[in-house]
């Protein structure tokens, strides 16, 4: 069962086979580099800027930082990282990195798009990459600056498997109700929610069940959002609103807001579980492992790692990378302590669905899927 088998890569526990290559469906990178290691071109200086979620979000910012640190260590160079505490920091932080002589700059997240494009246009000799955004504000099918590489993820594929697992768990536990809520209503968030809800529908079709969903309407593209990614009272109240529907599985999508969901679960005194996003949450934050059924993973760390190595060798190109189930860019984590408690045959079914999605026999898409 490949989904639940784990191993170590870049210092974190990940699902087996989850290795990213920086060509849409290319082969996995060499896991046994030569003893000499990769060599950077003279003067190579990799840099990275977070969004306002910060580096300690146990999610996409932290995953990206882990990726560039691992690449820098292999290269024998020192990366520069700057944290954004608010949206007002994006442009100044990018200017700061340019002033420090960075030759490769990674922007972490959709929200940095406009400022990254502006910086890239002003500094055509610097290579840029941006996570979760195509940098295509005019929608002409290519980045608005010729020196930006988009690092994208078709997360709907993995979220579909997560939704199916959530429905199976809820049906087994008796509630037959699951829910989700997000931070901001932006494509990198809603793509998780689309896949989650559609996966539940697939479970209902397969098992002739009626697991209800709350928090997101795929057809109307409307649902429950906190208005940001902070783990605050608003996020906890939003989570509580979903829990009040009687759900026993909840998917919080938006970095640190999982902390608010976990707090609401604890206060409820019920055996509700949640799904993590981006990283393997049970490993990234052991304090919530006892309520984390599984995580829907985006291997941002590997994408950043490989993009950095390519830029270091002078092989930078702006062809968008798209992480999929096929190339290991997205996937499910282990079920960890819940493995022995899962409905009979679930992991085999998830493997079967994964194979069908990869082959194209099962079409899984979202309005937010990378184009």
Protein backbone atom coordinates (compact mmCIF):
# COMPACT_ATOMS: atom_id res chain seq x y z
CA UNK A 1 0.00 0.00 0.00
CA UNK A 2 1.99 2.96 -1.25
CA UNK A 3 -0.06 5.73 0.31
CA UNK A 4 0.66 4.72 3.89
CA UNK A 5 4.30 3.68 3.56
CA UNK A 6 6.69 6.38 4.76
CA UNK A 7 10.33 7.30 4.47
CA UNK A 8 12.55 10.32 5.05
CA UNK A 9 13.33 12.99 2.47
CA UNK A 10 14.69 16.48 3.05
CA UNK A 11 14.47 15.88 6.79
CA UNK A 12 10.70 15.23 7.02
CA UNK A 13 8.56 12.10 6.86
CA UNK A 14 6.74 11.82 3.55
CA UNK A 15 4.64 9.40 1.58
CA UNK A 16 6.62 6.78 -0.30
CA UNK A 17 7.17 7.55 -3.93
CA UNK A 18 6.54 11.24 -3.39
CA UNK A 19 9.50 12.69 -5.24
CA UNK A 20 9.19 15.73 -7.43
CA UNK A 21 10.85 16.38 -10.76
CA UNK A 22 10.82 19.82 -12.27
CA UNK A 23 9.26 18.82 -15.55
CA UNK A 24 5.51 18.31 -15.37
CA UNK A 25 5.59 14.52 -15.48
CA UNK A 26 9.31 13.95 -15.60
CA UNK A 27 11.36 11.32 -13.85
CA UNK A 28 12.22 11.63 -10.18
CA UNK A 29 15.50 13.39 -9.34
CA UNK A 30 18.51 11.29 -8.54
CA UNK A 31 18.28 10.35 -4.86
CA UNK A 32 21.92 9.24 -4.81
CA UNK A 33 23.98 12.25 -5.92
CA UNK A 34 27.68 11.88 -6.40
CA UNK A 35 29.83 12.31 -3.32
CA UNK A 36 31.04 15.64 -4.65
CA UNK A 37 27.47 16.93 -4.77
CA UNK A 38 26.01 19.51 -7.16
CA UNK A 39 28.07 22.54 -8.11
CA UNK A 40 26.73 26.08 -8.32
CA UNK A 41 27.75 28.63 -10.90
CA UNK A 42 30.00 31.37 -9.59
CA UNK A 43 28.19 33.93 -7.47
CA UNK A 44 24.99 31.91 -7.09
CA UNK A 45 22.93 33.24 -4.18
CA UNK A 46 19.51 31.63 -3.52
CA UNK A 47 16.91 33.66 -1.63
CA UNK A 48 13.33 33.24 -0.49
CA UNK A 49 10.54 35.45 0.84
CA UNK A 50 7.49 34.22 2.78
CA UNK A 51 3.94 35.45 2.65
CA UNK A 52 2.37 36.82 5.83
CA UNK A 53 1.83 33.33 7.25
CA UNK A 54 5.48 33.29 8.29
CA UNK A 55 8.08 30.53 8.33
CA UNK A 56 6.63 28.65 11.29
CA UNK A 57 3.23 27.90 9.73
CA UNK A 58 3.81 24.11 9.65
CA UNK A 59 2.56 24.39 6.08
CA UNK A 60 3.61 25.86 2.73
CA UNK A 61 5.99 28.59 3.94
CA UNK A 62 7.88 26.22 6.19
CA UNK A 63 7.94 23.54 3.51
CA UNK A 64 9.40 25.98 0.99
CA UNK A 65 12.04 27.11 3.47
CA UNK A 66 13.01 23.49 4.14
CA UNK A 67 13.44 22.96 0.40
CA UNK A 68 15.77 25.88 -0.21
CA UNK A 69 17.79 25.13 2.93
CA UNK A 70 18.33 21.54 1.80
CA UNK A 71 19.44 22.68 -1.66
CA UNK A 72 21.77 25.33 -0.26
CA UNK A 73 23.37 22.77 2.04
CA UNK A 74 24.01 20.43 -0.90
CA UNK A 75 25.48 23.29 -2.89
CA UNK A 76 27.65 24.55 -0.06
CA UNK A 77 26.15 28.04 -0.22
CA UNK A 78 24.13 30.11 2.24
CA UNK A 79 20.54 30.97 1.45
CA UNK A 80 18.93 34.25 2.48
CA UNK A 81 15.37 34.14 3.82
CA UNK A 82 13.11 37.03 4.77
CA UNK A 83 9.75 36.78 6.48
CA UNK A 84 6.75 38.91 5.61
CA UNK A 85 4.60 39.84 8.58
CA UNK A 86 1.98 41.57 6.43
CA UNK A 87 1.21 42.20 2.78
CA UNK A 88 2.93 45.58 3.13
CA UNK A 89 6.22 43.72 3.51
CA UNK A 90 6.16 41.94 0.14
CA UNK A 91 7.60 44.67 -2.09
CA UNK A 92 10.20 45.93 0.43
CA UNK A 93 11.33 42.37 1.15
CA UNK A 94 11.83 41.69 -2.55
CA UNK A 95 13.76 44.96 -2.90
CA UNK A 96 15.90 43.92 0.05
CA UNK A 97 16.78 40.60 -1.57
CA UNK A 98 17.72 42.33 -4.81
CA UNK A 99 19.92 44.75 -2.88
CA UNK A 100 21.68 41.81 -1.20
CA UNK A 101 22.74 40.44 -4.57
CA UNK A 102 20.39 37.48 -4.81
CA UNK A 103 20.59 35.67 -8.13
CA UNK A 104 17.57 33.38 -7.58
CA UNK A 105 14.51 34.55 -5.64
CA UNK A 106 11.55 32.40 -4.64
CA UNK A 107 8.27 34.00 -3.61
CA UNK A 108 6.11 31.79 -1.43
CA UNK A 109 2.52 32.13 -2.41
CA UNK A 110 -0.23 33.52 -4.56
CA UNK A 111 -0.41 36.75 -2.59
CA UNK A 112 3.08 37.85 -3.68
CA UNK A 113 2.27 37.60 -7.38
CA UNK A 114 1.94 41.28 -8.35
CA UNK A 115 5.01 42.35 -6.39
CA UNK A 116 7.05 39.44 -7.75
CA UNK A 117 6.16 40.31 -11.34
CA UNK A 118 7.10 43.95 -10.72
CA UNK A 119 10.44 42.94 -9.19
CA UNK A 120 11.19 40.48 -11.98
CA UNK A 121 10.47 43.02 -14.69
CA UNK A 122 12.76 45.51 -12.98
CA UNK A 123 15.55 42.93 -12.61
CA UNK A 124 15.66 40.84 -15.78
CA UNK A 125 19.04 39.27 -14.94
CA UNK A 126 17.70 37.70 -11.74
CA UNK A 127 15.89 34.34 -11.88
CA UNK A 128 12.58 34.14 -10.01
CA UNK A 129 10.17 31.38 -9.03
CA UNK A 130 6.76 31.71 -7.42
CA UNK A 131 4.74 29.06 -5.61
CA UNK A 132 1.02 28.54 -6.22
CA UNK A 133 0.69 31.17 -8.91
CA UNK A 134 1.20 31.36 -12.66
CA UNK A 135 2.25 35.05 -12.49
CA UNK A 136 -0.10 35.56 -15.42
CA UNK A 137 -2.16 38.59 -14.51
CA UNK A 138 -3.20 39.32 -18.09
CA UNK A 139 -4.25 35.69 -18.68
CA UNK A 140 -2.32 35.24 -21.90
CA UNK A 141 -1.05 31.81 -20.89
CA UNK A 142 2.49 32.80 -19.85
CA UNK A 143 4.15 34.61 -16.94
CA UNK A 144 3.98 38.39 -17.15
CA UNK A 145 7.77 38.56 -16.74
CA UNK A 146 10.06 36.36 -18.84
CA UNK A 147 12.26 35.38 -15.86
CA UNK A 148 9.64 33.80 -13.56
CA UNK A 149 9.11 30.06 -13.13
CA UNK A 150 5.71 29.08 -11.68
CA UNK A 151 5.73 26.18 -9.21
CA UNK A 152 2.16 24.89 -9.31
CA UNK A 153 0.28 21.93 -7.86
CA UNK A 154 -2.84 20.17 -9.07
CA UNK A 155 -3.81 19.56 -5.46
CA UNK A 156 -7.37 18.60 -6.36
CA UNK A 157 -6.08 15.11 -7.19
CA UNK A 158 -4.73 14.44 -3.71
CA UNK A 159 -7.63 16.25 -2.01
CA UNK A 160 -10.03 13.94 -3.84
CA UNK A 161 -8.36 10.98 -2.13
CA UNK A 162 -8.51 12.86 1.17
CA UNK A 163 -12.22 13.50 0.76
CA UNK A 164 -12.85 9.86 -0.03
CA UNK A 165 -10.94 8.81 3.09
CA UNK A 166 -12.80 11.38 5.21
CA UNK A 167 -16.17 10.10 4.01
CA UNK A 168 -15.19 6.49 4.69
CA UNK A 169 -14.06 7.40 8.20
CA UNK A 170 -17.19 9.42 8.97
CA UNK A 171 -19.43 6.63 7.71
CA UNK A 172 -17.60 4.12 9.87
CA UNK A 173 -17.85 6.38 12.93
CA UNK A 174 -21.54 7.00 12.37
CA UNK A 175 -21.88 10.74 11.81
CA UNK A 176 -21.99 10.64 8.01
CA UNK A 177 -21.07 14.34 8.02
CA UNK A 178 -17.81 16.06 7.04
CA UNK A 179 -16.88 19.69 6.54
CA UNK A 180 -14.23 22.13 5.43
CA UNK A 181 -13.35 25.79 5.73
CA UNK A 182 -10.59 27.96 4.31
CA UNK A 183 -8.47 30.98 5.05
CA UNK A 184 -8.87 33.13 1.95
CA UNK A 185 -11.01 32.31 -1.07
CA UNK A 186 -8.09 32.02 -3.49
CA UNK A 187 -7.28 29.20 -5.94
CA UNK A 188 -4.54 27.51 -3.82
CA UNK A 189 -7.14 27.14 -1.05
CA UNK A 190 -10.32 26.34 -2.95
CA UNK A 191 -8.59 23.64 -5.02
CA UNK A 192 -8.28 21.60 -1.80
CA UNK A 193 -11.93 22.16 -0.99
CA UNK A 194 -13.08 21.18 -4.49
CA UNK A 195 -11.21 17.90 -4.38
CA UNK A 196 -12.34 17.15 -0.84
CA UNK A 197 -16.04 17.57 -1.62
CA UNK A 198 -15.79 15.68 -4.91
CA UNK A 199 -14.00 12.82 -3.15
CA UNK A 200 -16.88 12.56 -0.68
CA UNK A 201 -19.32 12.40 -3.59
CA UNK A 202 -17.30 9.59 -5.13
CA UNK A 203 -17.45 7.64 -1.87
CA UNK A 204 -21.22 8.12 -1.74
CA UNK A 205 -21.57 6.89 -5.32
CA UNK A 206 -19.37 3.86 -4.71
CA UNK A 207 -20.85 2.83 -1.37
CA UNK A 208 -24.45 4.00 -1.91
CA UNK A 209 -23.98 6.19 1.15
CA UNK A 210 -25.15 9.69 2.01
CA UNK A 211 -22.24 11.41 3.76
CA UNK A 212 -23.21 15.09 3.90
CA UNK A 213 -20.75 17.94 3.32
CA UNK A 214 -20.59 21.39 4.89
CA UNK A 215 -18.51 24.52 4.36
CA UNK A 216 -18.07 24.52 0.59
CA UNK A 217 -20.32 24.35 -2.48
CA UNK A 218 -18.30 23.24 -5.50
CA UNK A 219 -20.91 24.28 -8.05
CA UNK A 220 -21.45 27.76 -6.61
CA UNK A 221 -17.82 28.13 -5.46
CA UNK A 222 -18.98 29.58 -2.15
CA UNK A 223 -18.28 28.55 1.41
CA UNK A 224 -16.82 29.28 4.83
CA UNK A 225 -13.65 31.38 5.12
CA UNK A 226 -11.84 33.10 7.96
CA UNK A 227 -10.58 36.05 5.93
CA UNK A 228 -6.91 35.22 6.51
CA UNK A 229 -4.45 32.57 7.59
CA UNK A 230 -4.00 33.53 11.23
CA UNK A 231 -4.91 31.11 14.01
CA UNK A 232 -7.21 33.50 15.86
CA UNK A 233 -10.68 33.72 17.37
CA UNK A 234 -12.27 34.23 13.96
CA UNK A 235 -10.68 31.02 12.67
CA UNK A 236 -11.79 29.13 15.77
CA UNK A 237 -15.34 30.45 15.44
CA UNK A 238 -15.39 29.45 11.78
CA UNK A 239 -14.21 25.96 12.67
CA UNK A 240 -16.81 25.78 15.44
CA UNK A 241 -19.52 26.73 12.97
CA UNK A 242 -18.62 23.69 10.88
CA UNK A 243 -18.33 21.41 13.93
CA UNK A 244 -21.78 22.56 15.06
CA UNK A 245 -23.22 20.83 11.97
CA UNK A 246 -22.33 17.52 13.61
CA UNK A 247 -19.32 16.65 11.43
CA UNK A 248 -16.73 14.21 12.71
CA UNK A 249 -14.12 15.08 10.07
CA UNK A 250 -13.03 18.64 9.24
CA UNK A 251 -10.56 20.00 6.68
CA UNK A 252 -9.07 23.43 7.54
CA UNK A 253 -7.25 24.87 4.51
CA UNK A 254 -4.91 27.73 5.23
CA UNK A 255 -1.67 27.13 7.06
CA UNK A 256 -1.92 28.00 10.77
CA UNK A 257 -5.74 27.91 10.91
CA UNK A 258 -5.43 24.19 11.61
CA UNK A 259 -4.46 25.25 15.15
CA UNK A 260 -7.85 26.90 15.56
CA UNK A 261 -9.62 23.81 14.25
CA UNK A 262 -7.68 21.63 16.68
CA UNK A 263 -8.61 23.93 19.57
CA UNK A 264 -12.28 23.83 18.61
CA UNK A 265 -12.14 20.03 18.42
CA UNK A 266 -10.56 19.85 21.86
CA UNK A 267 -13.18 22.17 23.35
CA UNK A 268 -15.99 20.08 21.86
CA UNK A 269 -14.92 16.99 23.78
CA UNK A 270 -15.88 14.86 20.78
CA UNK A 271 -13.82 12.39 18.75
CA UNK A 272 -13.69 14.62 15.69
CA UNK A 273 -10.60 14.35 13.50
CA UNK A 274 -9.13 16.72 10.93
CA UNK A 275 -7.08 16.57 7.77
CA UNK A 276 -3.81 18.45 7.37
CA UNK A 277 -2.75 20.30 4.24
CA UNK A 278 0.55 20.93 2.44
CA UNK A 279 2.86 19.15 4.91
CA UNK A 280 2.44 15.90 6.84
CA UNK A 281 0.83 17.68 9.77
CA UNK A 282 1.11 14.81 12.25
CA UNK A 283 4.89 15.01 11.79
CA UNK A 284 5.22 18.78 11.40
CA UNK A 285 3.21 19.39 14.58
CA UNK A 286 3.07 16.29 16.83
CA UNK A 287 0.79 18.16 19.25
CA UNK A 288 -2.12 17.57 16.86
CA UNK A 289 -1.15 14.08 15.69
CA UNK A 290 -3.88 12.51 17.82
CA UNK A 291 -6.59 14.34 15.85
CA UNK A 292 -4.98 14.31 12.38
CA UNK A 293 -6.41 11.48 10.30
CA UNK A 294 -4.23 12.12 7.23
CA UNK A 295 -2.70 15.05 5.36
CA UNK A 296 -3.20 16.20 1.78
CA UNK A 297 0.36 16.99 0.76
CA UNK A 298 1.94 19.37 -1.71
CA UNK A 299 5.65 18.64 -2.03
CA UNK A 300 6.62 22.28 -2.08
CA UNK A 301 9.90 21.41 -0.39
CA UNK A 302 10.96 19.16 -3.24
CA UNK A 303 9.83 21.58 -5.95
CA UNK A 304 11.80 24.40 -4.35
CA UNK A 305 14.80 22.12 -3.80
CA UNK A 306 14.92 21.02 -7.42
CA UNK A 307 14.27 24.50 -8.84
CA UNK A 308 17.12 25.85 -6.73
CA UNK A 309 19.53 23.15 -7.92
CA UNK A 310 18.56 23.81 -11.55
CA UNK A 311 19.14 27.55 -11.15
CA UNK A 312 22.43 26.88 -9.37
CA UNK A 313 23.71 24.84 -12.31
CA UNK A 314 22.68 27.50 -14.83
CA UNK A 315 19.76 25.36 -16.03
CA UNK A 316 17.00 27.71 -14.94
CA UNK A 317 13.98 27.75 -17.25
CA UNK A 318 10.54 29.29 -16.93
CA UNK A 319 8.51 26.24 -17.97
CA UNK A 320 5.84 25.89 -15.24
CA UNK A 321 6.24 22.92 -12.94
CA UNK A 322 2.93 21.22 -12.09
CA UNK A 323 2.91 18.74 -9.20
CA UNK A 324 0.53 15.82 -9.73
CA UNK A 325 -0.10 12.36 -8.34
CA UNK A 326 1.84 10.97 -11.28
CA UNK A 327 5.07 12.85 -10.61
CA UNK A 328 4.69 12.75 -6.83
CA UNK A 329 4.16 16.48 -6.47
CA UNK A 330 0.95 15.86 -4.51
CA UNK A 331 -0.31 12.91 -2.50
CA UNK A 332 -1.56 11.63 0.83
CA UNK A 333 0.61 11.21 3.89
CA UNK A 334 0.57 8.15 6.10
CA UNK A 335 -2.47 7.64 8.33
CA UNK A 336 -0.01 7.16 11.18
CA UNK A 337 -1.77 6.03 14.38
CA UNK A 338 -5.09 5.76 12.56
CA UNK A 339 -3.78 3.12 10.14
CA UNK A 340 -5.05 0.17 12.19
CA UNK A 341 -8.43 1.82 12.72
CA UNK A 342 -9.33 2.51 9.10
CA UNK A 343 -12.35 0.97 7.38
CA UNK A 344 -11.47 -2.38 5.85
CA UNK A 345 -10.17 -2.10 2.29
CA UNK A 346 -9.88 1.71 2.33
CA UNK A 347 -6.16 1.92 1.60
CA UNK A 348 -6.51 -0.51 -1.32
CA UNK A 349 -9.38 1.58 -2.67
CA UNK A 350 -7.31 4.75 -2.39
CA UNK A 351 -4.51 3.09 -4.35
CA UNK A 352 -7.00 2.05 -7.00
CA UNK A 353 -8.39 5.59 -7.29
CA UNK A 354 -4.88 7.01 -7.48
CA UNK A 355 -4.05 4.71 -10.40
CA UNK A 356 -7.29 5.68 -12.17
CA UNK A 357 -6.54 9.39 -11.78
CA UNK A 358 -2.99 8.95 -13.08
CA UNK A 359 -4.17 6.91 -16.08
CA UNK A 360 -6.87 9.43 -16.91
CA UNK A 361 -9.68 6.91 -16.46
CA UNK A 362 -10.95 9.03 -13.58
CA UNK A 363 -11.15 12.74 -14.33
CA UNK A 364 -10.49 14.91 -11.29
CA UNK A 365 -10.35 18.64 -11.90
CA UNK A 366 -11.08 21.98 -10.25
CA UNK A 367 -11.76 25.48 -11.58
CA UNK A 368 -8.50 26.29 -9.76
CA UNK A 369 -6.42 23.55 -11.42
CA UNK A 370 -3.26 24.83 -13.17
CA UNK A 371 -4.04 25.57 -16.79
